[in-house]
């Protein structure tokens, strides 16, 4: 996937989508928001897969960290919107 192999990327998505979506749903509390966050996480994986370094961290750890950061950003934006209103 890091070399731009679309088939390898599809295998990664098939293998990890359920857990990424579940993590996002638990954090965000909304299926629609979780779908958006999971889609964005995999888009970032596609764009930045070449920057993942084997041996530094497991791929899953890196993917879940990307997902967590996206969820935290969404929660932060929600909080800021609520305060502004």
N, C-alpha and C. Protein backbone atom coordinates (compact mmCIF):
# COMPACT_ATOMS: atom_id res chain seq x y z
N UNK A 1 0.83 -1.20 0.00
CA UNK A 1 0.00 0.00 0.00
C UNK A 1 0.87 1.25 0.00
N UNK A 2 2.00 1.18 0.69
CA UNK A 2 2.90 2.32 0.75
C UNK A 2 3.50 2.68 -0.60
N UNK A 3 3.54 1.71 -1.50
CA UNK A 3 4.07 1.94 -2.84
C UNK A 3 2.98 2.30 -3.84
N UNK A 4 1.73 2.50 -3.34
CA UNK A 4 0.64 2.88 -4.22
C UNK A 4 -0.12 1.71 -4.82
N UNK A 5 0.05 0.52 -4.27
CA UNK A 5 -0.64 -0.68 -4.77
C UNK A 5 -2.10 -0.66 -4.30
N UNK A 6 -3.02 -0.42 -5.24
CA UNK A 6 -4.44 -0.31 -4.90
C UNK A 6 -4.99 -1.60 -4.31
N UNK A 7 -4.55 -2.74 -4.79
CA UNK A 7 -5.05 -4.01 -4.26
C UNK A 7 -4.59 -4.21 -2.81
N UNK A 8 -3.36 -3.85 -2.51
CA UNK A 8 -2.87 -3.95 -1.13
C UNK A 8 -3.66 -3.01 -0.23
N UNK A 9 -3.97 -1.83 -0.74
CA UNK A 9 -4.76 -0.87 0.03
C UNK A 9 -6.15 -1.42 0.32
N UNK A 10 -6.78 -2.03 -0.71
CA UNK A 10 -8.10 -2.62 -0.49
C UNK A 10 -8.07 -3.70 0.58
N UNK A 11 -7.00 -4.50 0.60
CA UNK A 11 -6.87 -5.53 1.63
C UNK A 11 -6.76 -4.90 3.02
N UNK A 12 -6.01 -3.80 3.12
CA UNK A 12 -5.91 -3.10 4.41
C UNK A 12 -7.26 -2.59 4.87
N UNK A 13 -8.00 -1.99 3.94
CA UNK A 13 -9.33 -1.49 4.28
C UNK A 13 -10.23 -2.63 4.72
N UNK A 14 -10.26 -3.71 3.96
CA UNK A 14 -11.10 -4.86 4.31
C UNK A 14 -10.74 -5.42 5.68
N UNK A 15 -9.46 -5.45 5.98
CA UNK A 15 -8.98 -6.03 7.22
C UNK A 15 -9.26 -5.14 8.43
N UNK A 16 -9.22 -3.83 8.26
CA UNK A 16 -9.24 -2.93 9.42
C UNK A 16 -10.46 -2.02 9.53
N UNK A 17 -11.30 -1.98 8.52
CA UNK A 17 -12.43 -1.05 8.53
C UNK A 17 -13.35 -1.25 9.73
N UNK A 18 -13.67 -2.48 10.06
CA UNK A 18 -14.58 -2.73 11.18
C UNK A 18 -14.08 -2.16 12.49
N UNK A 19 -12.83 -2.35 12.77
CA UNK A 19 -12.28 -1.85 14.04
C UNK A 19 -12.14 -0.34 14.04
N UNK A 20 -11.72 0.22 12.90
CA UNK A 20 -11.60 1.68 12.81
C UNK A 20 -12.97 2.32 12.98
N UNK A 21 -13.97 1.79 12.30
CA UNK A 21 -15.33 2.31 12.42
C UNK A 21 -15.84 2.17 13.85
N UNK A 22 -15.61 1.02 14.48
CA UNK A 22 -16.06 0.80 15.85
C UNK A 22 -15.41 1.78 16.82
N UNK A 23 -14.13 2.02 16.66
CA UNK A 23 -13.43 2.98 17.51
C UNK A 23 -14.02 4.37 17.33
N UNK A 24 -14.22 4.78 16.10
CA UNK A 24 -14.77 6.11 15.82
C UNK A 24 -16.20 6.23 16.36
N UNK A 25 -16.98 5.19 16.22
CA UNK A 25 -18.37 5.23 16.71
C UNK A 25 -18.41 5.36 18.23
N UNK A 26 -17.53 4.63 18.91
CA UNK A 26 -17.49 4.73 20.38
C UNK A 26 -17.11 6.14 20.82
N UNK A 27 -16.15 6.72 20.15
CA UNK A 27 -15.69 8.05 20.54
C UNK A 27 -16.66 9.16 20.15
N UNK A 28 -17.26 9.05 18.97
CA UNK A 28 -18.09 10.13 18.45
C UNK A 28 -19.57 9.97 18.77
N UNK A 29 -19.99 8.75 19.04
CA UNK A 29 -21.39 8.51 19.41
C UNK A 29 -22.37 8.63 18.26
N UNK A 30 -21.89 8.69 17.05
CA UNK A 30 -22.76 8.85 15.90
C UNK A 30 -22.24 7.99 14.76
N UNK A 31 -23.12 7.21 14.15
CA UNK A 31 -22.69 6.37 13.04
C UNK A 31 -22.25 7.21 11.85
N UNK A 32 -22.97 8.29 11.57
CA UNK A 32 -22.62 9.13 10.42
C UNK A 32 -21.25 9.76 10.63
N UNK A 33 -21.00 10.29 11.83
CA UNK A 33 -19.69 10.89 12.11
C UNK A 33 -18.59 9.83 12.08
N UNK A 34 -18.90 8.64 12.57
CA UNK A 34 -17.92 7.55 12.57
C UNK A 34 -17.58 7.13 11.14
N UNK A 35 -18.58 7.07 10.27
CA UNK A 35 -18.32 6.74 8.86
C UNK A 35 -17.40 7.78 8.23
N UNK A 36 -17.68 9.05 8.50
CA UNK A 36 -16.84 10.13 7.96
C UNK A 36 -15.41 10.03 8.48
N UNK A 37 -15.27 9.78 9.77
CA UNK A 37 -13.94 9.70 10.37
C UNK A 37 -13.17 8.49 9.83
N UNK A 38 -13.85 7.36 9.68
CA UNK A 38 -13.19 6.16 9.15
C UNK A 38 -12.76 6.39 7.70
N UNK A 39 -13.63 7.02 6.92
CA UNK A 39 -13.28 7.32 5.54
C UNK A 39 -12.07 8.25 5.47
N UNK A 40 -12.06 9.27 6.30
CA UNK A 40 -10.92 10.20 6.33
C UNK A 40 -9.64 9.50 6.79
N UNK A 41 -9.75 8.61 7.76
CA UNK A 41 -8.58 7.88 8.24
C UNK A 41 -7.97 7.05 7.12
N UNK A 42 -8.79 6.35 6.37
CA UNK A 42 -8.26 5.54 5.29
C UNK A 42 -7.76 6.39 4.12
N UNK A 43 -8.36 7.54 3.91
CA UNK A 43 -7.84 8.46 2.90
C UNK A 43 -6.44 8.93 3.28
N UNK A 44 -6.26 9.25 4.55
CA UNK A 44 -4.93 9.65 5.02
C UNK A 44 -3.92 8.52 4.93
N UNK A 45 -4.37 7.30 5.22
CA UNK A 45 -3.49 6.15 5.08
C UNK A 45 -3.03 6.03 3.63
N UNK A 46 -3.96 6.19 2.69
CA UNK A 46 -3.60 6.09 1.28
C UNK A 46 -2.58 7.16 0.91
N UNK A 47 -2.82 8.39 1.37
CA UNK A 47 -1.92 9.49 1.03
C UNK A 47 -0.55 9.39 1.70
N UNK A 48 -0.51 8.85 2.92
CA UNK A 48 0.71 8.89 3.72
C UNK A 48 1.27 7.51 4.05
N UNK A 49 0.81 6.48 3.39
CA UNK A 49 1.28 5.12 3.69
C UNK A 49 2.78 4.99 3.53
N UNK A 50 3.35 5.72 2.63
CA UNK A 50 4.78 5.66 2.42
C UNK A 50 5.59 6.20 3.58
N UNK A 51 4.96 7.00 4.44
CA UNK A 51 5.69 7.58 5.58
C UNK A 51 5.69 6.66 6.81
N UNK A 52 4.89 5.60 6.78
CA UNK A 52 4.89 4.65 7.89
C UNK A 52 6.18 3.85 7.82
N UNK A 53 6.85 3.74 8.96
CA UNK A 53 8.12 3.03 9.02
C UNK A 53 7.96 1.69 9.72
N UNK A 54 8.11 0.59 8.99
CA UNK A 54 8.03 -0.73 9.64
C UNK A 54 9.09 -0.82 10.75
N UNK A 55 8.71 -1.40 11.85
CA UNK A 55 9.64 -1.56 12.95
C UNK A 55 9.49 -0.48 14.02
N UNK A 56 9.04 0.72 13.63
CA UNK A 56 8.82 1.78 14.63
C UNK A 56 7.52 1.54 15.38
N UNK A 57 6.50 1.16 14.65
CA UNK A 57 5.20 0.87 15.26
C UNK A 57 4.47 -0.11 14.34
N UNK A 58 3.56 -0.86 14.92
CA UNK A 58 2.73 -1.73 14.10
C UNK A 58 1.83 -0.86 13.24
N UNK A 59 1.49 -1.36 12.07
CA UNK A 59 0.61 -0.60 11.18
C UNK A 59 -0.70 -0.28 11.89
N UNK A 60 -1.25 -1.26 12.61
CA UNK A 60 -2.52 -1.06 13.29
C UNK A 60 -2.44 0.08 14.30
N UNK A 61 -1.35 0.15 15.02
CA UNK A 61 -1.16 1.21 16.01
C UNK A 61 -1.17 2.56 15.32
N UNK A 62 -0.47 2.66 14.22
CA UNK A 62 -0.42 3.91 13.45
C UNK A 62 -1.80 4.28 12.93
N UNK A 63 -2.52 3.31 12.36
CA UNK A 63 -3.86 3.55 11.83
C UNK A 63 -4.81 4.00 12.93
N UNK A 64 -4.77 3.35 14.08
CA UNK A 64 -5.68 3.72 15.17
C UNK A 64 -5.33 5.10 15.73
N UNK A 65 -4.06 5.45 15.72
CA UNK A 65 -3.66 6.79 16.18
C UNK A 65 -4.19 7.85 15.22
N UNK A 66 -4.12 7.58 13.93
CA UNK A 66 -4.69 8.50 12.93
C UNK A 66 -6.18 8.66 13.19
N UNK A 67 -6.86 7.55 13.43
CA UNK A 67 -8.31 7.58 13.69
C UNK A 67 -8.62 8.35 14.96
N UNK A 68 -7.88 8.08 16.03
CA UNK A 68 -8.09 8.81 17.28
C UNK A 68 -7.91 10.30 17.10
N UNK A 69 -6.87 10.70 16.40
CA UNK A 69 -6.62 12.13 16.20
C UNK A 69 -7.76 12.78 15.41
N UNK A 70 -8.26 12.10 14.40
CA UNK A 70 -9.39 12.63 13.65
C UNK A 70 -10.63 12.77 14.53
N UNK A 71 -10.88 11.78 15.36
CA UNK A 71 -12.03 11.84 16.28
C UNK A 71 -11.87 12.97 17.29
N UNK A 72 -10.69 13.11 17.85
CA UNK A 72 -10.45 14.20 18.80
C UNK A 72 -10.66 15.55 18.13
N UNK A 73 -10.23 15.70 16.89
CA UNK A 73 -10.43 16.95 16.16
C UNK A 73 -11.92 17.23 15.99
N UNK A 74 -12.68 16.21 15.64
CA UNK A 74 -14.13 16.38 15.47
C UNK A 74 -14.80 16.74 16.79
N UNK A 75 -14.40 16.09 17.87
CA UNK A 75 -14.98 16.41 19.18
C UNK A 75 -14.62 17.82 19.60
N UNK A 76 -13.41 18.24 19.32
CA UNK A 76 -12.97 19.60 19.65
C UNK A 76 -13.79 20.63 18.87
N UNK A 77 -14.02 20.36 17.59
CA UNK A 77 -14.83 21.28 16.77
C UNK A 77 -16.26 21.35 17.28
N UNK A 78 -16.81 20.22 17.70
CA UNK A 78 -18.16 20.21 18.28
C UNK A 78 -18.22 21.10 19.50
N UNK A 79 -17.23 20.94 20.37
CA UNK A 79 -17.20 21.71 21.61
C UNK A 79 -17.07 23.21 21.31
N UNK A 80 -16.22 23.56 20.36
CA UNK A 80 -16.03 24.96 19.99
C UNK A 80 -17.30 25.55 19.39
N UNK A 81 -17.99 24.76 18.57
CA UNK A 81 -19.25 25.23 17.97
C UNK A 81 -20.29 25.46 19.04
N UNK A 82 -20.38 24.55 20.00
CA UNK A 82 -21.35 24.69 21.09
C UNK A 82 -21.07 25.91 21.93
N UNK A 83 -19.83 26.17 22.24
CA UNK A 83 -19.44 27.33 23.05
C UNK A 83 -19.74 28.62 22.28
N UNK A 84 -19.45 28.65 21.00
CA UNK A 84 -19.69 29.84 20.19
C UNK A 84 -21.17 30.17 20.07
N UNK A 85 -21.99 29.15 20.01
CA UNK A 85 -23.44 29.38 19.89
C UNK A 85 -23.98 29.96 21.16
